[in-house]
PDB file of N, CA and C in Angstrom:
ATOM      1  N   MET A   1       1.750 -16.591   1.272  1.00  0.00           N
ATOM      2  CA  MET A   1       0.956 -15.406   1.314  1.00  0.00           C
ATOM      3  C   MET A   1       1.557 -14.407   0.398  1.00  0.00           C
ATOM      4  N   ILE A   2       0.618 -13.594  -0.243  1.00  0.00           N
ATOM      5  CA  ILE A   2       1.139 -12.469  -0.998  1.00  0.00           C
ATOM      6  C   ILE A   2       0.457 -11.213  -0.393  1.00  0.00           C
ATOM      7  N   VAL A   3       1.022 -10.028  -0.734  1.00  0.00           N
ATOM      8  CA  VAL A   3       0.477  -8.856  -0.294  1.00  0.00           C
ATOM      9  C   VAL A   3      -0.263  -8.158  -1.448  1.00  0.00           C
ATOM     10  N   SER A   4      -1.356  -7.657  -1.112  1.00  0.00           N
ATOM     11  CA  SER A   4      -2.175  -6.998  -2.157  1.00  0.00           C
ATOM     12  C   SER A   4      -2.481  -5.540  -1.754  1.00  0.00           C
ATOM     13  N   TYR A   5      -2.163  -4.551  -2.498  1.00  0.00           N
ATOM     14  CA  TYR A   5      -2.338  -3.188  -2.309  1.00  0.00           C
ATOM     15  C   TYR A   5      -3.478  -2.578  -2.984  1.00  0.00           C
ATOM     16  N   LYS A   6      -4.339  -3.507  -3.626  1.00  0.00           N
ATOM     17  CA  LYS A   6      -5.463  -3.070  -4.493  1.00  0.00           C
ATOM     18  C   LYS A   6      -6.384  -1.967  -3.756  1.00  0.00           C
ATOM     19  N   LYS A   7      -6.542  -2.246  -2.335  1.00  0.00           N
ATOM     20  CA  LYS A   7      -7.408  -1.314  -1.673  1.00  0.00           C
ATOM     21  C   LYS A   7      -6.697   0.111  -1.595  1.00  0.00           C
ATOM     22  N   LEU A   8      -5.457   0.146  -1.621  1.00  0.00           N
ATOM     23  CA  LEU A   8      -4.687   1.371  -1.524  1.00  0.00           C
ATOM     24  C   LEU A   8      -4.827   2.172  -2.866  1.00  0.00           C
ATOM     25  N   TRP A   9      -4.812   1.406  -3.898  1.00  0.00           N
ATOM     26  CA  TRP A   9      -4.940   2.078  -5.180  1.00  0.00           C
ATOM     27  C   TRP A   9      -6.221   2.432  -5.515  1.00  0.00           C
ATOM     28  N   LYS A  10      -7.357   1.706  -5.007  1.00  0.00           N
ATOM     29  CA  LYS A  10      -8.741   2.133  -5.123  1.00  0.00           C
ATOM     30  C   LYS A  10      -8.874   3.572  -4.209  1.00  0.00           C
ATOM     31  N   LEU A  11      -8.247   3.481  -3.023  1.00  0.00           N
ATOM     32  CA  LEU A  11      -8.542   4.733  -2.123  1.00  0.00           C
ATOM     33  C   LEU A  11      -7.791   5.838  -2.684  1.00  0.00           C
ATOM     34  N   LEU A  12      -6.675   5.677  -3.474  1.00  0.00           N
ATOM     35  CA  LEU A  12      -6.110   6.818  -4.046  1.00  0.00           C
ATOM     36  C   LEU A  12      -7.042   7.453  -5.213  1.00  0.00           C
ATOM     37  N   ILE A  13      -7.695   6.505  -6.049  1.00  0.00           N
ATOM     38  CA  ILE A  13      -8.462   6.973  -7.012  1.00  0.00           C
ATOM     39  C   ILE A  13      -9.701   7.665  -6.441  1.00  0.00           C
ATOM     40  N   ASP A  14     -10.230   7.139  -5.371  1.00  0.00           N
ATOM     41  CA  ASP A  14     -11.376   7.759  -4.702  1.00  0.00           C
ATOM     42  C   ASP A  14     -11.016   9.222  -4.032  1.00  0.00           C
ATOM     43  N   ASN A  15      -9.707   9.368  -3.694  1.00  0.00           N
ATOM     44  CA  ASN A  15      -9.337  10.634  -3.207  1.00  0.00           C
ATOM     45  C   ASN A  15      -8.720  11.544  -4.310  1.00  0.00           C
ATOM     46  N   ASP A  16      -8.884  11.088  -5.609  1.00  0.00           N
ATOM     47  CA  ASP A  16      -8.384  11.912  -6.584  1.00  0.00           C
ATOM     48  C   ASP A  16      -6.892  12.167  -6.590  1.00  0.00           C
ATOM     49  N   MET A  17      -6.090  11.074  -6.143  1.00  0.00           N
ATOM     50  CA  MET A  17      -4.601  11.266  -5.939  1.00  0.00           C
ATOM     51  C   MET A  17      -3.913  10.350  -6.836  1.00  0.00           C
ATOM     52  N   MET A  18      -2.774  10.753  -7.167  1.00  0.00           N
ATOM     53  CA  MET A  18      -1.892   9.728  -7.999  1.00  0.00           C
ATOM     54  C   MET A  18      -0.748   9.403  -7.080  1.00  0.00           C
ATOM     55  N   LYS A  19      -0.150   8.343  -7.571  1.00  0.00           N
ATOM     56  CA  LYS A  19       0.990   7.782  -6.757  1.00  0.00           C
ATOM     57  C   LYS A  19       2.006   8.672  -6.313  1.00  0.00           C
ATOM     58  N   LYS A  20       2.308   9.550  -7.365  1.00  0.00           N
ATOM     59  CA  LYS A  20       3.364  10.615  -7.007  1.00  0.00           C
ATOM     60  C   LYS A  20       2.915  11.595  -5.885  1.00  0.00           C
ATOM     61  N   ASP A  21       1.492  11.905  -5.866  1.00  0.00           N
ATOM     62  CA  ASP A  21       1.005  12.609  -4.749  1.00  0.00           C
ATOM     63  C   ASP A  21       1.147  11.930  -3.399  1.00  0.00           C
ATOM     64  N   LEU A  22       0.799  10.578  -3.356  1.00  0.00           N
ATOM     65  CA  LEU A  22       1.114   9.850  -2.221  1.00  0.00           C
ATOM     66  C   LEU A  22       2.447   9.806  -1.726  1.00  0.00           C
ATOM     67  N   GLN A  23       3.386   9.706  -2.522  1.00  0.00           N
ATOM     68  CA  GLN A  23       4.844   9.564  -2.239  1.00  0.00           C
ATOM     69  C   GLN A  23       5.263  10.996  -1.634  1.00  0.00           C
ATOM     70  N   LYS A  24       4.798  12.122  -2.341  1.00  0.00           N
ATOM     71  CA  LYS A  24       5.251  13.322  -1.586  1.00  0.00           C
ATOM     72  C   LYS A  24       4.560  13.568  -0.296  1.00  0.00           C
ATOM     73  N   SER A  25       3.263  13.298  -0.307  1.00  0.00           N
ATOM     74  CA  SER A  25       2.496  13.506   0.961  1.00  0.00           C
ATOM     75  C   SER A  25       2.997  12.727   2.166  1.00  0.00           C
ATOM     76  N   ALA A  26       3.313  11.463   1.877  1.00  0.00           N
ATOM     77  CA  ALA A  26       3.699  10.515   3.040  1.00  0.00           C
ATOM     78  C   ALA A  26       5.150  10.611   3.168  1.00  0.00           C
ATOM     79  N   GLY A  27       5.943  11.262   2.411  1.00  0.00           N
ATOM     80  CA  GLY A  27       7.316  11.238   2.574  1.00  0.00           C
ATOM     81  C   GLY A  27       7.951   9.957   2.404  1.00  0.00           C
ATOM     82  N   ILE A  28       7.629   9.259   1.299  1.00  0.00           N
ATOM     83  CA  ILE A  28       8.255   7.911   1.116  1.00  0.00           C
ATOM     84  C   ILE A  28       8.975   8.036  -0.223  1.00  0.00           C
ATOM     85  N   SER A  29       9.898   7.114  -0.395  1.00  0.00           N
ATOM     86  CA  SER A  29      10.654   7.081  -1.689  1.00  0.00           C
ATOM     87  C   SER A  29       9.892   6.561  -2.950  1.00  0.00           C
ATOM     88  N   TRP A  30      10.288   6.992  -4.038  1.00  0.00           N
ATOM     89  CA  TRP A  30       9.640   6.324  -5.241  1.00  0.00           C
ATOM     90  C   TRP A  30       9.903   4.926  -5.297  1.00  0.00           C
ATOM     91  N   ALA A  31      11.085   4.520  -4.749  1.00  0.00           N
ATOM     92  CA  ALA A  31      11.447   3.023  -4.947  1.00  0.00           C
ATOM     93  C   ALA A  31      10.335   2.252  -4.047  1.00  0.00           C
ATOM     94  N   THR A  32       9.955   2.872  -2.942  1.00  0.00           N
ATOM     95  CA  THR A  32       8.940   2.177  -2.093  1.00  0.00           C
ATOM     96  C   THR A  32       7.614   2.044  -2.859  1.00  0.00           C
ATOM     97  N   VAL A  33       7.181   3.038  -3.516  1.00  0.00           N
ATOM     98  CA  VAL A  33       6.015   3.060  -4.274  1.00  0.00           C
ATOM     99  C   VAL A  33       6.079   2.091  -5.415  1.00  0.00           C
ATOM    100  N   THR A  34       7.286   1.942  -5.998  1.00  0.00           N
ATOM    101  CA  THR A  34       7.562   0.859  -7.045  1.00  0.00           C
ATOM    102  C   THR A  34       7.256  -0.499  -6.518  1.00  0.00           C
ATOM    103  N   LYS A  35       7.923  -0.786  -5.199  1.00  0.00           N
ATOM    104  CA  LYS A  35       7.676  -2.064  -4.459  1.00  0.00           C
ATOM    105  C   LYS A  35       6.370  -2.308  -4.292  1.00  0.00           C
ATOM    106  N   MET A  36       5.612  -1.376  -3.897  1.00  0.00           N
ATOM    107  CA  MET A  36       4.218  -1.624  -3.545  1.00  0.00           C
ATOM    108  C   MET A  36       3.406  -1.962  -4.870  1.00  0.00           C
ATOM    109  N   SER A  37       3.709  -1.260  -6.053  1.00  0.00           N
ATOM    110  CA  SER A  37       3.196  -1.521  -7.254  1.00  0.00           C
ATOM    111  C   SER A  37       3.301  -2.865  -7.824  1.00  0.00           C
ATOM    112  N   LYS A  38       4.530  -3.509  -7.434  1.00  0.00           N
ATOM    113  CA  LYS A  38       4.920  -4.964  -7.747  1.00  0.00           C
ATOM    114  C   LYS A  38       4.235  -5.885  -6.779  1.00  0.00           C
ATOM    115  N   GLY A  39       3.642  -5.400  -5.625  1.00  0.00           N
ATOM    116  CA  GLY A  39       3.129  -6.332  -4.674  1.00  0.00           C
ATOM    117  C   GLY A  39       4.137  -6.820  -3.721  1.00  0.00           C
ATOM    118  N   GLU A  40       5.202  -6.070  -3.602  1.00  0.00           N
ATOM    119  CA  GLU A  40       6.315  -6.540  -2.680  1.00  0.00           C
ATOM    120  C   GLU A  40       6.004  -5.981  -1.292  1.00  0.00           C
ATOM    121  N   ILE A  41       6.630  -6.593  -0.339  1.00  0.00           N
ATOM    122  CA  ILE A  41       6.364  -6.152   1.058  1.00  0.00           C
ATOM    123  C   ILE A  41       7.292  -4.888   1.353  1.00  0.00           C
ATOM    124  N   VAL A  42       6.551  -4.029   2.103  1.00  0.00           N
ATOM    125  CA  VAL A  42       7.187  -2.723   2.743  1.00  0.00           C
ATOM    126  C   VAL A  42       7.074  -2.679   4.156  1.00  0.00           C
ATOM    127  N   SER A  43       7.701  -1.888   4.781  1.00  0.00           N
ATOM    128  CA  SER A  43       7.793  -1.686   6.088  1.00  0.00           C
ATOM    129  C   SER A  43       6.585  -1.215   6.932  1.00  0.00           C
ATOM    130  N   THR A  44       6.433  -1.589   8.133  1.00  0.00           N
ATOM    131  CA  THR A  44       5.319  -1.177   8.840  1.00  0.00           C
ATOM    132  C   THR A  44       5.262   0.348   8.889  1.00  0.00           C
ATOM    133  N   GLU A  45       6.427   1.008   9.025  1.00  0.00           N
ATOM    134  CA  GLU A  45       6.600   2.393   9.077  1.00  0.00           C
ATOM    135  C   GLU A  45       6.067   3.124   7.823  1.00  0.00           C
ATOM    136  N   VAL A  46       6.346   2.590   6.762  1.00  0.00           N
ATOM    137  CA  VAL A  46       5.676   3.087   5.537  1.00  0.00           C
ATOM    138  C   VAL A  46       4.268   2.992   5.386  1.00  0.00           C
ATOM    139  N   LEU A  47       3.689   1.866   5.936  1.00  0.00           N
ATOM    140  CA  LEU A  47       2.175   1.661   5.957  1.00  0.00           C
ATOM    141  C   LEU A  47       1.663   2.779   6.898  1.00  0.00           C
ATOM    142  N   MET A  48       2.265   3.001   8.111  1.00  0.00           N
ATOM    143  CA  MET A  48       1.866   3.994   9.100  1.00  0.00           C
ATOM    144  C   MET A  48       1.850   5.303   8.410  1.00  0.00           C
ATOM    145  N   LYS A  49       2.799   5.766   7.679  1.00  0.00           N
ATOM    146  CA  LYS A  49       2.911   7.046   6.983  1.00  0.00           C
ATOM    147  C   LYS A  49       1.771   7.211   5.981  1.00  0.00           C
ATOM    148  N   ILE A  50       1.592   6.195   5.192  1.00  0.00           N
ATOM    149  CA  ILE A  50       0.354   6.082   4.298  1.00  0.00           C
ATOM    150  C   ILE A  50      -0.874   6.329   4.972  1.00  0.00           C
ATOM    151  N   CYS A  51      -1.177   5.569   6.118  1.00  0.00           N
ATOM    152  CA  CYS A  51      -2.393   5.655   6.777  1.00  0.00           C
ATOM    153  C   CYS A  51      -2.621   7.014   7.390  1.00  0.00           C
ATOM    154  N   LYS A  52      -1.478   7.717   7.851  1.00  0.00           N
ATOM    155  CA  LYS A  52      -1.618   9.060   8.330  1.00  0.00           C
ATOM    156  C   LYS A  52      -2.156  10.010   7.430  1.00  0.00           C
ATOM    157  N   VAL A  53      -1.540   9.906   6.160  1.00  0.00           N
ATOM    158  CA  VAL A  53      -1.831  10.730   5.065  1.00  0.00           C
ATOM    159  C   VAL A  53      -3.366  10.605   4.654  1.00  0.00           C
ATOM    160  N   LEU A  54      -3.779   9.279   4.557  1.00  0.00           N
ATOM    161  CA  LEU A  54      -5.131   9.108   4.029  1.00  0.00           C
ATOM    162  C   LEU A  54      -6.151   8.934   5.053  1.00  0.00           C
ATOM    163  N   HIS A  55      -5.809   9.153   6.382  1.00  0.00           N
ATOM    164  CA  HIS A  55      -6.659   8.999   7.640  1.00  0.00           C
ATOM    165  C   HIS A  55      -7.483   7.645   7.534  1.00  0.00           C
ATOM    166  N   CYS A  56      -6.532   6.617   7.528  1.00  0.00           N
ATOM    167  CA  CYS A  56      -7.236   5.235   7.505  1.00  0.00           C
ATOM    168  C   CYS A  56      -6.388   4.388   8.397  1.00  0.00           C
ATOM    169  N   ASN A  57      -6.795   2.971   8.293  1.00  0.00           N
ATOM    170  CA  ASN A  57      -6.095   1.983   9.039  1.00  0.00           C
ATOM    171  C   ASN A  57      -5.416   1.045   8.106  1.00  0.00           C
ATOM    172  N   VAL A  58      -4.400   0.290   8.580  1.00  0.00           N
ATOM    173  CA  VAL A  58      -3.596  -0.633   7.582  1.00  0.00           C
ATOM    174  C   VAL A  58      -4.686  -1.588   6.830  1.00  0.00           C
ATOM    175  N   GLY A  59      -5.721  -2.132   7.413  1.00  0.00           N
ATOM    176  CA  GLY A  59      -6.590  -2.972   6.716  1.00  0.00           C
ATOM    177  C   GLY A  59      -7.319  -2.259   5.725  1.00  0.00           C
ATOM    178  N   ASP A  60      -7.339  -0.968   5.612  1.00  0.00           N
ATOM    179  CA  ASP A  60      -7.997  -0.156   4.622  1.00  0.00           C
ATOM    180  C   ASP A  60      -7.114  -0.116   3.303  1.00  0.00           C
ATOM    181  N   ILE A  61      -5.873  -0.504   3.459  1.00  0.00           N
ATOM    182  CA  ILE A  61      -5.068  -0.242   2.163  1.00  0.00           C
ATOM    183  C   ILE A  61      -4.241  -1.552   1.895  1.00  0.00           C
ATOM    184  N   VAL A  62      -4.245  -2.517   2.679  1.00  0.00           N
ATOM    185  CA  VAL A  62      -3.494  -3.854   2.341  1.00  0.00           C
ATOM    186  C   VAL A  62      -4.212  -5.054   2.823  1.00  0.00           C
ATOM    187  N   ASP A  63      -4.120  -6.105   1.895  1.00  0.00           N
ATOM    188  CA  ASP A  63      -4.586  -7.407   2.191  1.00  0.00           C
ATOM    189  C   ASP A  63      -3.610  -8.500   2.161  1.00  0.00           C
ATOM    190  N   PHE A  64      -3.685  -9.385   2.995  1.00  0.00           N
ATOM    191  CA  PHE A  64      -2.763 -10.620   2.857  1.00  0.00           C
ATOM    192  C   PHE A  64      -3.515 -11.678   2.131  1.00  0.00           C
ATOM    193  N   VAL A  65      -3.173 -12.250   0.973  1.00  0.00           N
ATOM    194  CA  VAL A  65      -3.888 -13.104   0.111  1.00  0.00           C
ATOM    195  C   VAL A  65      -3.214 -14.546   0.322  1.00  0.00           C
ATOM    196  N   GLU A  66      -3.875 -15.487   0.661  1.00  0.00           N
ATOM    197  CA  GLU A  66      -3.427 -16.865   0.676  1.00  0.00           C
ATOM    198  C   GLU A  66      -3.129 -17.472  -0.693  1.00  0.00           C
ATOM    199  N   THR A  67      -1.935 -18.115  -0.860  1.00  0.00           N
ATOM    200  CA  THR A  67      -1.679 -18.762  -2.133  1.00  0.00           C
ATOM    201  C   THR A  67      -1.867 -20.355  -1.930  1.00  0.00           C
ATOM    202  N   SER A  68      -1.839 -20.868  -3.089  1.00  0.00           N
ATOM    203  CA  SER A  68      -1.981 -22.363  -2.986  1.00  0.00           C
ATOM    204  C   SER A  68      -0.784 -23.022  -2.309  1.00  0.00           C
ATOM    205  N   ASP A  69       0.380 -22.449  -2.228  1.00  0.00           N
ATOM    206  CA  ASP A  69       1.525 -22.991  -1.490  1.00  0.00           C
ATOM    207  C   ASP A  69       1.321 -22.878   0.114  1.00  0.00           C
ATOM    208  N   ASP A  70       0.350 -21.924   0.539  1.00  0.00           N
ATOM    209  CA  ASP A  70       0.040 -21.727   1.798  1.00  0.00           C
ATOM    210  C   ASP A  70      -0.807 -23.090   2.540  1.00  0.00           C
ATOM    211  N   CYS A  71      -1.575 -23.566   1.615  1.00  0.00           N
ATOM    212  CA  CYS A  71      -2.294 -24.792   2.092  1.00  0.00           C
ATOM    213  C   CYS A  71      -1.647 -26.061   2.279  1.00  0.00           C
ATOM    214  N   ASP A  72      -0.352 -26.287   1.832  1.00  0.00           N
ATOM    215  CA  ASP A  72       0.350 -27.303   1.959  1.00  0.00           C
ATOM    216  C   ASP A  72       0.900 -27.688   3.438  1.00  0.00           C
TER     217      ASP A  72
END
């Protein structure tokens, strides 16, 4: 499985926010934002901070996508 943050990036656009705005508002490091931009896994604590800032749930910002390797 891979992690997709497409919902998060769309939500930022809808809220007229940039990634740097999210980083400051949520109190997360720029390295964490970079990891998310690359589709890498981040901690639940980070996701909770983002949800608090955006007033949403985890399912509103992240998806787990099956890969062909998962079907084996």
